[in-house]
Amino acid sequence: VVDYLGSHPWSALLVLREALDERLFMEDEGMATVERALGRLAGFLAAGMKDNVFAKTDPSQLAVSIVAIHFLHFAASGVVTRFLGEEVFDPASLSKRNEVLCAQVRRLCGLPD
């Protein structure tokens, strides 16, 4: 996800804007696509929880949190670039973001680093 969003600078902002306004893309098949993707992620997480691989929590809430930490970093790239002091779309920054997100998602799922 980081590689895709990092190589398509406007994609995260456009998806987030459409989701916030619930227009154009979200009015048609887009909403069904988003709901299916979130449902599949929540289902994957629920299966991991059932098998005691992931910490037990609300899989739907966890799915939304995982999506949010991926998208906001790129959708608010100007703010994030200034805050971090590095261009979020730079290859070195993308590599670092991949590492950080992997560790964060593992922690959210109750897995060791």
PDB file of N, CA and C in Angstrom:
ATOM      1  N   VAL A   1       0.834  -1.189   0.000  1.00  0.00           N
ATOM      2  CA  VAL A   1       0.000   0.000   0.000  1.00  0.00           C
ATOM      3  C   VAL A   1       0.879   1.253   0.000  1.00  0.00           C
ATOM      4  N   VAL A   2       1.916   1.233   0.822  1.00  0.00           N
ATOM      5  CA  VAL A   2       2.821   2.387   0.886  1.00  0.00           C
ATOM      6  C   VAL A   2       3.486   2.608  -0.471  1.00  0.00           C
ATOM      7  N   ASP A   3       3.922   1.541  -1.112  1.00  0.00           N
ATOM      8  CA  ASP A   3       4.567   1.689  -2.418  1.00  0.00           C
ATOM      9  C   ASP A   3       3.614   2.295  -3.447  1.00  0.00           C
ATOM     10  N   TYR A   4       2.367   1.831  -3.438  1.00  0.00           N
ATOM     11  CA  TYR A   4       1.391   2.377  -4.396  1.00  0.00           C
ATOM     12  C   TYR A   4       1.103   3.846  -4.096  1.00  0.00           C
ATOM     13  N   LEU A   5       0.737   4.142  -2.847  1.00  0.00           N
ATOM     14  CA  LEU A   5       0.411   5.521  -2.491  1.00  0.00           C
ATOM     15  C   LEU A   5       1.618   6.441  -2.672  1.00  0.00           C
ATOM     16  N   GLY A   6       2.809   5.914  -2.417  1.00  0.00           N
ATOM     17  CA  GLY A   6       4.023   6.700  -2.572  1.00  0.00           C
ATOM     18  C   GLY A   6       4.376   6.986  -4.019  1.00  0.00           C
ATOM     19  N   SER A   7       3.920   6.134  -4.927  1.00  0.00           N
ATOM     20  CA  SER A   7       4.221   6.356  -6.343  1.00  0.00           C
ATOM     21  C   SER A   7       3.058   7.023  -7.090  1.00  0.00           C
ATOM     22  N   HIS A   8       1.961   7.260  -6.405  1.00  0.00           N
ATOM     23  CA  HIS A   8       0.803   7.964  -6.968  1.00  0.00           C
ATOM     24  C   HIS A   8       0.404   9.069  -5.985  1.00  0.00           C
ATOM     25  N   PRO A   9       1.153  10.182  -5.997  1.00  0.00           N
ATOM     26  CA  PRO A   9       1.007  11.205  -4.964  1.00  0.00           C
ATOM     27  C   PRO A   9      -0.407  11.737  -4.707  1.00  0.00           C
ATOM     28  N   TRP A  10      -1.267  11.776  -5.683  1.00  0.00           N
ATOM     29  CA  TRP A  10      -2.602  12.339  -5.472  1.00  0.00           C
ATOM     30  C   TRP A  10      -3.640  11.281  -5.088  1.00  0.00           C
ATOM     31  N   SER A  11      -3.285  10.006  -5.172  1.00  0.00           N
ATOM     32  CA  SER A  11      -4.291   8.955  -4.966  1.00  0.00           C
ATOM     33  C   SER A  11      -4.882   8.969  -3.556  1.00  0.00           C
ATOM     34  N   ALA A  12      -4.067   9.063  -2.526  1.00  0.00           N
ATOM     35  CA  ALA A  12      -4.584   9.044  -1.158  1.00  0.00           C
ATOM     36  C   ALA A  12      -5.476  10.252  -0.897  1.00  0.00           C
ATOM     37  N   LEU A  13      -5.055  11.404  -1.381  1.00  0.00           N
ATOM     38  CA  LEU A  13      -5.852  12.615  -1.183  1.00  0.00           C
ATOM     39  C   LEU A  13      -7.194  12.510  -1.900  1.00  0.00           C
ATOM     40  N   LEU A  14      -7.195  12.003  -3.124  1.00  0.00           N
ATOM     41  CA  LEU A  14      -8.446  11.873  -3.873  1.00  0.00           C
ATOM     42  C   LEU A  14      -9.397  10.881  -3.210  1.00  0.00           C
ATOM     43  N   VAL A  15      -8.870   9.743  -2.776  1.00  0.00           N
ATOM     44  CA  VAL A  15      -9.725   8.744  -2.122  1.00  0.00           C
ATOM     45  C   VAL A  15     -10.290   9.306  -0.820  1.00  0.00           C
ATOM     46  N   LEU A  16      -9.447   9.944  -0.037  1.00  0.00           N
ATOM     47  CA  LEU A  16      -9.906  10.518   1.229  1.00  0.00           C
ATOM     48  C   LEU A  16     -10.944  11.613   1.000  1.00  0.00           C
ATOM     49  N   ARG A  17     -10.702  12.466   0.025  1.00  0.00           N
ATOM     50  CA  ARG A  17     -11.646  13.549  -0.288  1.00  0.00           C
ATOM     51  C   ARG A  17     -12.999  12.973  -0.719  1.00  0.00           C
ATOM     52  N   GLU A  18     -12.966  11.967  -1.566  1.00  0.00           N
ATOM     53  CA  GLU A  18     -14.206  11.330  -2.020  1.00  0.00           C
ATOM     54  C   GLU A  18     -14.935  10.678  -0.847  1.00  0.00           C
ATOM     55  N   ALA A  19     -14.195  10.043   0.039  1.00  0.00           N
ATOM     56  CA  ALA A  19     -14.813   9.390   1.194  1.00  0.00           C
ATOM     57  C   ALA A  19     -15.425  10.418   2.140  1.00  0.00           C
ATOM     58  N   LEU A  20     -14.743  11.532   2.329  1.00  0.00           N
ATOM     59  CA  LEU A  20     -15.261  12.573   3.224  1.00  0.00           C
ATOM     60  C   LEU A  20     -16.526  13.223   2.668  1.00  0.00           C
ATOM     61  N   ASP A  21     -16.536  13.468   1.374  1.00  0.00           N
ATOM     62  CA  ASP A  21     -17.675  14.154   0.753  1.00  0.00           C
ATOM     63  C   ASP A  21     -18.769  13.194   0.305  1.00  0.00           C
ATOM     64  N   GLU A  22     -18.457  11.905   0.246  1.00  0.00           N
ATOM     65  CA  GLU A  22     -19.380  10.884  -0.247  1.00  0.00           C
ATOM     66  C   GLU A  22     -20.021  11.302  -1.565  1.00  0.00           C
ATOM     67  N   ARG A  23     -19.168  11.683  -2.529  1.00  0.00           N
ATOM     68  CA  ARG A  23     -19.676  12.058  -3.833  1.00  0.00           C
ATOM     69  C   ARG A  23     -18.968  11.279  -4.926  1.00  0.00           C
ATOM     70  N   LEU A  24     -19.326  11.536  -6.135  1.00  0.00           N
ATOM     71  CA  LEU A  24     -18.789  10.929  -7.347  1.00  0.00           C
ATOM     72  C   LEU A  24     -18.492   9.444  -7.171  1.00  0.00           C
ATOM     73  N   PHE A  25     -17.252   9.123  -6.894  1.00  0.00           N
ATOM     74  CA  PHE A  25     -16.834   7.725  -6.782  1.00  0.00           C
ATOM     75  C   PHE A  25     -17.663   6.990  -5.741  1.00  0.00           C
ATOM     76  N   MET A  26     -17.919   7.617  -4.618  1.00  0.00           N
ATOM     77  CA  MET A  26     -18.605   6.948  -3.519  1.00  0.00           C
ATOM     78  C   MET A  26     -20.104   6.773  -3.795  1.00  0.00           C
ATOM     79  N   GLU A  27     -20.657   7.532  -4.728  1.00  0.00           N
ATOM     80  CA  GLU A  27     -22.082   7.410  -5.028  1.00  0.00           C
ATOM     81  C   GLU A  27     -22.386   6.175  -5.860  1.00  0.00           C
ATOM     82  N   ASP A  28     -21.450   5.744  -6.658  1.00  0.00           N
ATOM     83  CA  ASP A  28     -21.703   4.635  -7.561  1.00  0.00           C
ATOM     84  C   ASP A  28     -21.176   3.338  -6.961  1.00  0.00           C
ATOM     85  N   GLU A  29     -20.474   2.606  -7.757  1.00  0.00           N
ATOM     86  CA  GLU A  29     -19.938   1.324  -7.306  1.00  0.00           C
ATOM     87  C   GLU A  29     -18.793   1.496  -6.312  1.00  0.00           C
ATOM     88  N   GLY A  30     -18.285   2.691  -6.190  1.00  0.00           N
ATOM     89  CA  GLY A  30     -17.154   2.939  -5.305  1.00  0.00           C
ATOM     90  C   GLY A  30     -17.426   2.570  -3.864  1.00  0.00           C
ATOM     91  N   MET A  31     -18.588   2.925  -3.353  1.00  0.00           N
ATOM     92  CA  MET A  31     -18.909   2.621  -1.955  1.00  0.00           C
ATOM     93  C   MET A  31     -18.933   1.120  -1.734  1.00  0.00           C
ATOM     94  N   ALA A  32     -19.519   0.386  -2.659  1.00  0.00           N
ATOM     95  CA  ALA A  32     -19.561  -1.076  -2.537  1.00  0.00           C
ATOM     96  C   ALA A  32     -18.154  -1.659  -2.564  1.00  0.00           C
ATOM     97  N   THR A  33     -17.292  -1.102  -3.386  1.00  0.00           N
ATOM     98  CA  THR A  33     -15.904  -1.571  -3.468  1.00  0.00           C
ATOM     99  C   THR A  33     -15.172  -1.313  -2.159  1.00  0.00           C
ATOM    100  N   VAL A  34     -15.339  -0.124  -1.612  1.00  0.00           N
ATOM    101  CA  VAL A  34     -14.698   0.224  -0.339  1.00  0.00           C
ATOM    102  C   VAL A  34     -15.225  -0.674   0.777  1.00  0.00           C
ATOM    103  N   GLU A  35     -16.528  -0.860   0.823  1.00  0.00           N
ATOM    104  CA  GLU A  35     -17.116  -1.708   1.861  1.00  0.00           C
ATOM    105  C   GLU A  35     -16.633  -3.147   1.748  1.00  0.00           C
ATOM    106  N   ARG A  36     -16.508  -3.668   0.521  1.00  0.00           N
ATOM    107  CA  ARG A  36     -15.987  -5.031   0.332  1.00  0.00           C
ATOM    108  C   ARG A  36     -14.546  -5.132   0.814  1.00  0.00           C
ATOM    109  N   ALA A  37     -13.737  -4.147   0.479  1.00  0.00           N
ATOM    110  CA  ALA A  37     -12.328  -4.170   0.887  1.00  0.00           C
ATOM    111  C   ALA A  37     -12.206  -4.117   2.409  1.00  0.00           C
ATOM    112  N   LEU A  38     -12.952  -3.225   3.038  1.00  0.00           N
ATOM    113  CA  LEU A  38     -12.919  -3.143   4.500  1.00  0.00           C
ATOM    114  C   LEU A  38     -13.449  -4.429   5.130  1.00  0.00           C
ATOM    115  N   GLY A  39     -14.502  -4.990   4.551  1.00  0.00           N
ATOM    116  CA  GLY A  39     -15.061  -6.241   5.050  1.00  0.00           C
ATOM    117  C   GLY A  39     -14.080  -7.393   4.953  1.00  0.00           C
ATOM    118  N   ARG A  40     -13.339  -7.444   3.852  1.00  0.00           N
ATOM    119  CA  ARG A  40     -12.344  -8.513   3.691  1.00  0.00           C
ATOM    120  C   ARG A  40     -11.214  -8.349   4.703  1.00  0.00           C
ATOM    121  N   LEU A  41     -10.775  -7.118   4.905  1.00  0.00           N
ATOM    122  CA  LEU A  41      -9.729  -6.872   5.892  1.00  0.00           C
ATOM    123  C   LEU A  41     -10.228  -7.241   7.289  1.00  0.00           C
ATOM    124  N   ALA A  42     -11.434  -6.816   7.638  1.00  0.00           N
ATOM    125  CA  ALA A  42     -11.990  -7.144   8.948  1.00  0.00           C
ATOM    126  C   ALA A  42     -12.156  -8.661   9.095  1.00  0.00           C
ATOM    127  N   GLY A  43     -12.561  -9.339   8.031  1.00  0.00           N
ATOM    128  CA  GLY A  43     -12.697 -10.794   8.066  1.00  0.00           C
ATOM    129  C   GLY A  43     -11.367 -11.490   8.289  1.00  0.00           C
ATOM    130  N   PHE A  44     -10.335 -10.997   7.621  1.00  0.00           N
ATOM    131  CA  PHE A  44      -8.984 -11.541   7.804  1.00  0.00           C
ATOM    132  C   PHE A  44      -8.541 -11.370   9.256  1.00  0.00           C
ATOM    133  N   LEU A  45      -8.765 -10.172   9.789  1.00  0.00           N
ATOM    134  CA  LEU A  45      -8.385  -9.900  11.177  1.00  0.00           C
ATOM    135  C   LEU A  45      -9.190 -10.756  12.154  1.00  0.00           C
ATOM    136  N   ALA A  46     -10.492 -10.900  11.902  1.00  0.00           N
ATOM    137  CA  ALA A  46     -11.342 -11.721  12.769  1.00  0.00           C
ATOM    138  C   ALA A  46     -10.878 -13.178  12.761  1.00  0.00           C
ATOM    139  N   ALA A  47     -10.490 -13.683  11.600  1.00  0.00           N
ATOM    140  CA  ALA A  47      -9.998 -15.066  11.518  1.00  0.00           C
ATOM    141  C   ALA A  47      -8.716 -15.221  12.320  1.00  0.00           C
ATOM    142  N   GLY A  48      -7.832 -14.228  12.241  1.00  0.00           N
ATOM    143  CA  GLY A  48      -6.606 -14.263  13.032  1.00  0.00           C
ATOM    144  C   GLY A  48      -6.880 -14.206  14.517  1.00  0.00           C
ATOM    145  N   MET A  49      -7.903 -13.454  14.898  1.00  0.00           N
ATOM    146  CA  MET A  49      -8.290 -13.375  16.313  1.00  0.00           C
ATOM    147  C   MET A  49      -8.880 -14.694  16.778  1.00  0.00           C
ATOM    148  N   LYS A  50      -9.717 -15.293  15.935  1.00  0.00           N
ATOM    149  CA  LYS A  50     -10.339 -16.575  16.277  1.00  0.00           C
ATOM    150  C   LYS A  50      -9.283 -17.663  16.486  1.00  0.00           C
ATOM    151  N   ASP A  51      -8.219 -17.608  15.664  1.00  0.00           N
ATOM    152  CA  ASP A  51      -7.133 -18.595  15.755  1.00  0.00           C
ATOM    153  C   ASP A  51      -6.070 -18.207  16.772  1.00  0.00           C
ATOM    154  N   ASN A  52      -6.333 -17.153  17.554  1.00  0.00           N
ATOM    155  CA  ASN A  52      -5.406 -16.667  18.581  1.00  0.00           C
ATOM    156  C   ASN A  52      -4.052 -16.235  18.025  1.00  0.00           C
ATOM    157  N   VAL A  53      -4.060 -15.766  16.782  1.00  0.00           N
ATOM    158  CA  VAL A  53      -2.848 -15.217  16.171  1.00  0.00           C
ATOM    159  C   VAL A  53      -2.772 -13.719  16.475  1.00  0.00           C
ATOM    160  N   PHE A  54      -3.915 -13.053  16.402  1.00  0.00           N
ATOM    161  CA  PHE A  54      -4.000 -11.621  16.684  1.00  0.00           C
ATOM    162  C   PHE A  54      -4.695 -11.411  18.019  1.00  0.00           C
ATOM    163  N   ALA A  55      -4.372 -10.314  18.674  1.00  0.00           N
ATOM    164  CA  ALA A  55      -5.055  -9.949  19.917  1.00  0.00           C
ATOM    165  C   ALA A  55      -6.540  -9.738  19.618  1.00  0.00           C
ATOM    166  N   LYS A  56      -7.363 -10.141  20.554  1.00  0.00           N
ATOM    167  CA  LYS A  56      -8.801 -10.011  20.363  1.00  0.00           C
ATOM    168  C   LYS A  56      -9.240  -8.571  20.620  1.00  0.00           C
ATOM    169  N   THR A  57      -9.882  -8.013  19.625  1.00  0.00           N
ATOM    170  CA  THR A  57     -10.429  -6.663  19.671  1.00  0.00           C
ATOM    171  C   THR A  57     -11.537  -6.606  18.637  1.00  0.00           C
ATOM    172  N   ASP A  58     -12.059  -5.448  18.372  1.00  0.00           N
ATOM    173  CA  ASP A  58     -13.092  -5.296  17.354  1.00  0.00           C
ATOM    174  C   ASP A  58     -12.410  -5.280  15.983  1.00  0.00           C
ATOM    175  N   PRO A  59     -12.603  -6.315  15.158  1.00  0.00           N
ATOM    176  CA  PRO A  59     -11.900  -6.379  13.876  1.00  0.00           C
ATOM    177  C   PRO A  59     -12.278  -5.256  12.915  1.00  0.00           C
ATOM    178  N   SER A  60     -13.500  -4.777  12.980  1.00  0.00           N
ATOM    179  CA  SER A  60     -13.901  -3.680  12.098  1.00  0.00           C
ATOM    180  C   SER A  60     -13.205  -2.382  12.493  1.00  0.00           C
ATOM    181  N   GLN A  61     -13.126  -2.106  13.791  1.00  0.00           N
ATOM    182  CA  GLN A  61     -12.414  -0.912  14.263  1.00  0.00           C
ATOM    183  C   GLN A  61     -10.930  -0.996  13.912  1.00  0.00           C
ATOM    184  N   LEU A  62     -10.353  -2.174  14.072  1.00  0.00           N
ATOM    185  CA  LEU A  62      -8.945  -2.358  13.751  1.00  0.00           C
ATOM    186  C   LEU A  62      -8.699  -2.156  12.260  1.00  0.00           C
ATOM    187  N   ALA A  63      -9.604  -2.659  11.418  1.00  0.00           N
ATOM    188  CA  ALA A  63      -9.471  -2.484   9.970  1.00  0.00           C
ATOM    189  C   ALA A  63      -9.464  -1.003   9.601  1.00  0.00           C
ATOM    190  N   VAL A  64     -10.384  -0.236  10.190  1.00  0.00           N
ATOM    191  CA  VAL A  64     -10.445   1.203   9.907  1.00  0.00           C
ATOM    192  C   VAL A  64      -9.156   1.896  10.372  1.00  0.00           C
ATOM    193  N   SER A  65      -8.630   1.501  11.519  1.00  0.00           N
ATOM    194  CA  SER A  65      -7.388   2.098  12.028  1.00  0.00           C
ATOM    195  C   SER A  65      -6.214   1.804  11.104  1.00  0.00           C
ATOM    196  N   ILE A  66      -6.123   0.591  10.619  1.00  0.00           N
ATOM    197  CA  ILE A  66      -5.024   0.221   9.719  1.00  0.00           C
ATOM    198  C   ILE A  66      -5.103   1.020   8.419  1.00  0.00           C
ATOM    199  N   VAL A  67      -6.294   1.157   7.870  1.00  0.00           N
ATOM    200  CA  VAL A  67      -6.464   1.937   6.646  1.00  0.00           C
ATOM    201  C   VAL A  67      -6.091   3.398   6.898  1.00  0.00           C
ATOM    202  N   ALA A  68      -6.532   3.934   8.031  1.00  0.00           N
ATOM    203  CA  ALA A  68      -6.275   5.341   8.330  1.00  0.00           C
ATOM    204  C   ALA A  68      -4.786   5.653   8.431  1.00  0.00           C
ATOM    205  N   ILE A  69      -4.019   4.782   9.085  1.00  0.00           N
ATOM    206  CA  ILE A  69      -2.589   5.098   9.232  1.00  0.00           C
ATOM    207  C   ILE A  69      -1.856   4.989   7.902  1.00  0.00           C
ATOM    208  N   HIS A  70      -2.419   4.290   6.950  1.00  0.00           N
ATOM    209  CA  HIS A  70      -1.811   4.243   5.621  1.00  0.00           C
ATOM    210  C   HIS A  70      -2.157   5.489   4.811  1.00  0.00           C
ATOM    211  N   PHE A  71      -3.422   5.894   4.823  1.00  0.00           N
ATOM    212  CA  PHE A  71      -3.864   6.961   3.933  1.00  0.00           C
ATOM    213  C   PHE A  71      -3.517   8.362   4.409  1.00  0.00           C
ATOM    214  N   LEU A  72      -3.698   8.665   5.676  1.00  0.00           N
ATOM    215  CA  LEU A  72      -3.534  10.046   6.122  1.00  0.00           C
ATOM    216  C   LEU A  72      -2.104  10.560   5.913  1.00  0.00           C
ATOM    217  N   HIS A  73      -1.132   9.712   6.089  1.00  0.00           N
ATOM    218  CA  HIS A  73       0.271  10.086   5.887  1.00  0.00           C
ATOM    219  C   HIS A  73       0.468  10.711   4.506  1.00  0.00           C
ATOM    220  N   PHE A  74      -0.164  10.126   3.492  1.00  0.00           N
ATOM    221  CA  PHE A  74       0.001  10.603   2.112  1.00  0.00           C
ATOM    222  C   PHE A  74      -1.016  11.678   1.751  1.00  0.00           C
ATOM    223  N   ALA A  75      -2.232  11.577   2.275  1.00  0.00           N
ATOM    224  CA  ALA A  75      -3.255  12.575   1.962  1.00  0.00           C
ATOM    225  C   ALA A  75      -2.887  13.944   2.537  1.00  0.00           C
ATOM    226  N   ALA A  76      -2.221  13.963   3.678  1.00  0.00           N
ATOM    227  CA  ALA A  76      -1.777  15.209   4.307  1.00  0.00           C
ATOM    228  C   ALA A  76      -0.271  15.371   4.130  1.00  0.00           C
ATOM    229  N   SER A  77       0.215  15.056   2.938  1.00  0.00           N
ATOM    230  CA  SER A  77       1.662  15.006   2.696  1.00  0.00           C
ATOM    231  C   SER A  77       2.384  16.319   2.986  1.00  0.00           C
ATOM    232  N   GLY A  78       1.750  17.453   2.735  1.00  0.00           N
ATOM    233  CA  GLY A  78       2.403  18.734   3.019  1.00  0.00           C
ATOM    234  C   GLY A  78       2.672  18.917   4.503  1.00  0.00           C
ATOM    235  N   VAL A  79       1.668  18.639   5.316  1.00  0.00           N
ATOM    236  CA  VAL A  79       1.812  18.747   6.773  1.00  0.00           C
ATOM    237  C   VAL A  79       2.830  17.732   7.278  1.00  0.00           C
ATOM    238  N   VAL A  80       2.718  16.499   6.791  1.00  0.00           N
ATOM    239  CA  VAL A  80       3.613  15.431   7.243  1.00  0.00           C
ATOM    240  C   VAL A  80       5.051  15.718   6.822  1.00  0.00           C
ATOM    241  N   THR A  81       5.250  16.218   5.604  1.00  0.00           N
ATOM    242  CA  THR A  81       6.595  16.564   5.140  1.00  0.00           C
ATOM    243  C   THR A  81       7.223  17.609   6.049  1.00  0.00           C
ATOM    244  N   ARG A  82       6.466  18.648   6.380  1.00  0.00           N
ATOM    245  CA  ARG A  82       6.998  19.691   7.269  1.00  0.00           C
ATOM    246  C   ARG A  82       7.270  19.128   8.665  1.00  0.00           C
ATOM    247  N   PHE A  83       6.364  18.321   9.177  1.00  0.00           N
ATOM    248  CA  PHE A  83       6.520  17.770  10.522  1.00  0.00           C
ATOM    249  C   PHE A  83       7.724  16.837  10.614  1.00  0.00           C
ATOM    250  N   LEU A  84       7.880  15.948   9.649  1.00  0.00           N
ATOM    251  CA  LEU A  84       8.988  14.986   9.675  1.00  0.00           C
ATOM    252  C   LEU A  84      10.304  15.572   9.170  1.00  0.00           C
ATOM    253  N   GLY A  85      10.209  16.663   8.411  1.00  0.00           N
ATOM    254  CA  GLY A  85      11.417  17.249   7.843  1.00  0.00           C
ATOM    255  C   GLY A  85      11.982  16.451   6.683  1.00  0.00           C
ATOM    256  N   GLU A  86      11.123  15.646   6.046  1.00  0.00           N
ATOM    257  CA  GLU A  86      11.549  14.877   4.873  1.00  0.00           C
ATOM    258  C   GLU A  86      10.369  14.713   3.927  1.00  0.00           C
ATOM    259  N   GLU A  87      10.647  14.712   2.660  1.00  0.00           N
ATOM    260  CA  GLU A  87       9.622  14.581   1.629  1.00  0.00           C
ATOM    261  C   GLU A  87       9.023  13.177   1.685  1.00  0.00           C
ATOM    262  N   VAL A  88       7.711  13.079   1.925  1.00  0.00           N
ATOM    263  CA  VAL A  88       7.088  11.765   2.120  1.00  0.00           C
ATOM    264  C   VAL A  88       7.151  10.879   0.882  1.00  0.00           C
ATOM    265  N   PHE A  89       7.314  11.457  -0.300  1.00  0.00           N
ATOM    266  CA  PHE A  89       7.355  10.669  -1.534  1.00  0.00           C
ATOM    267  C   PHE A  89       8.773  10.298  -1.970  1.00  0.00           C
ATOM    268  N   ASP A  90       9.759  10.687  -1.186  1.00  0.00           N
ATOM    269  CA  ASP A  90      11.150  10.335  -1.464  1.00  0.00           C
ATOM    270  C   ASP A  90      11.347   8.831  -1.209  1.00  0.00           C
ATOM    271  N   PRO A  91      12.094   8.132  -2.069  1.00  0.00           N
ATOM    272  CA  PRO A  91      12.288   6.685  -1.883  1.00  0.00           C
ATOM    273  C   PRO A  91      12.797   6.291  -0.491  1.00  0.00           C
ATOM    274  N   ALA A  92      13.711   7.051   0.072  1.00  0.00           N
ATOM    275  CA  ALA A  92      14.226   6.720   1.412  1.00  0.00           C
ATOM    276  C   ALA A  92      13.125   6.881   2.467  1.00  0.00           C
ATOM    277  N   SER A  93      12.311   7.911   2.316  1.00  0.00           N
ATOM    278  CA  SER A  93      11.208   8.135   3.243  1.00  0.00           C
ATOM    279  C   SER A  93      10.155   7.030   3.109  1.00  0.00           C
ATOM    280  N   LEU A  94       9.891   6.582   1.881  1.00  0.00           N
ATOM    281  CA  LEU A  94       8.931   5.497   1.658  1.00  0.00           C
ATOM    282  C   LEU A  94       9.425   4.197   2.288  1.00  0.00           C
ATOM    283  N   SER A  95      10.704   3.941   2.160  1.00  0.00           N
ATOM    284  CA  SER A  95      11.283   2.742   2.768  1.00  0.00           C
ATOM    285  C   SER A  95      11.129   2.780   4.286  1.00  0.00           C
ATOM    286  N   LYS A  96      11.427   3.948   4.871  1.00  0.00           N
ATOM    287  CA  LYS A  96      11.283   4.111   6.315  1.00  0.00           C
ATOM    288  C   LYS A  96       9.820   3.957   6.723  1.00  0.00           C
ATOM    289  N   ARG A  97       8.898   4.527   5.917  1.00  0.00           N
ATOM    290  CA  ARG A  97       7.474   4.434   6.232  1.00  0.00           C
ATOM    291  C   ARG A  97       7.005   2.975   6.210  1.00  0.00           C
ATOM    292  N   ASN A  98       7.488   2.203   5.243  1.00  0.00           N
ATOM    293  CA  ASN A  98       7.149   0.781   5.185  1.00  0.00           C
ATOM    294  C   ASN A  98       7.556   0.071   6.476  1.00  0.00           C
ATOM    295  N   GLU A  99       8.768   0.334   6.940  1.00  0.00           N
ATOM    296  CA  GLU A  99       9.259  -0.287   8.176  1.00  0.00           C
ATOM    297  C   GLU A  99       8.417   0.117   9.380  1.00  0.00           C
ATOM    298  N   VAL A 100       8.157   1.412   9.491  1.00  0.00           N
ATOM    299  CA  VAL A 100       7.399   1.932  10.627  1.00  0.00           C
ATOM    300  C   VAL A 100       5.981   1.369  10.635  1.00  0.00           C
ATOM    301  N   LEU A 101       5.330   1.369   9.476  1.00  0.00           N
ATOM    302  CA  LEU A 101       3.960   0.865   9.417  1.00  0.00           C
ATOM    303  C   LEU A 101       3.885  -0.625   9.699  1.00  0.00           C
ATOM    304  N   CYS A 102       4.851  -1.367   9.216  1.00  0.00           N
ATOM    305  CA  CYS A 102       4.860  -2.802   9.498  1.00  0.00           C
ATOM    306  C   CYS A 102       4.893  -3.032  11.008  1.00  0.00           C
ATOM    307  N   ALA A 103       5.757  -2.332  11.691  1.00  0.00           N
ATOM    308  CA  ALA A 103       5.861  -2.471  13.148  1.00  0.00           C
ATOM    309  C   ALA A 103       4.577  -1.996  13.837  1.00  0.00           C
ATOM    310  N   GLN A 104       4.003  -0.890  13.366  1.00  0.00           N
ATOM    311  CA  GLN A 104       2.782  -0.368  13.985  1.00  0.00           C
ATOM    312  C   GLN A 104       1.599  -1.318  13.802  1.00  0.00           C
ATOM    313  N   VAL A 105       1.451  -1.857  12.607  1.00  0.00           N
ATOM    314  CA  VAL A 105       0.342  -2.781  12.360  1.00  0.00           C
ATOM    315  C   VAL A 105       0.525  -4.056  13.176  1.00  0.00           C
ATOM    316  N   ARG A 106       1.757  -4.520  13.267  1.00  0.00           N
ATOM    317  CA  ARG A 106       2.013  -5.707  14.099  1.00  0.00           C
ATOM    318  C   ARG A 106       1.600  -5.435  15.555  1.00  0.00           C
ATOM    319  N   ARG A 107       1.953  -4.258  16.074  1.00  0.00           N
ATOM    320  CA  ARG A 107       1.573  -3.916  17.448  1.00  0.00           C
ATOM    321  C   ARG A 107       0.051  -3.797  17.601  1.00  0.00           C
ATOM    322  N   LEU A 108      -0.600  -3.184  16.625  1.00  0.00           N
ATOM    323  CA  LEU A 108      -2.064  -3.070  16.667  1.00  0.00           C
ATOM    324  C   LEU A 108      -2.732  -4.454  16.695  1.00  0.00           C
ATOM    325  N   CYS A 109      -2.100  -5.406  16.046  1.00  0.00           N
ATOM    326  CA  CYS A 109      -2.640  -6.767  16.007  1.00  0.00           C
ATOM    327  C   CYS A 109      -2.182  -7.606  17.203  1.00  0.00           C
ATOM    328  N   GLY A 110      -1.358  -7.025  18.062  1.00  0.00           N
ATOM    329  CA  GLY A 110      -0.892  -7.745  19.249  1.00  0.00           C
ATOM    330  C   GLY A 110       0.232  -8.710  18.967  1.00  0.00           C
ATOM    331  N   LEU A 111       1.006  -8.448  17.916  1.00  0.00           N
ATOM    332  CA  LEU A 111       2.126  -9.293  17.542  1.00  0.00           C
ATOM    333  C   LEU A 111       3.433  -8.661  17.992  1.00  0.00           C
ATOM    334  N   PRO A 112       4.461  -9.456  18.214  1.00  0.00           N
ATOM    335  CA  PRO A 112       5.767  -8.882  18.567  1.00  0.00           C
ATOM    336  C   PRO A 112       6.391  -8.181  17.362  1.00  0.00           C
ATOM    337  N   ASP A 113       7.285  -7.249  17.631  1.00  0.00           N
ATOM    338  CA  ASP A 113       7.983  -6.546  16.524  1.00  0.00           C
ATOM    339  C   ASP A 113       8.799  -7.485  15.679  1.00  0.00           C
TER     340      ASP A 113
END
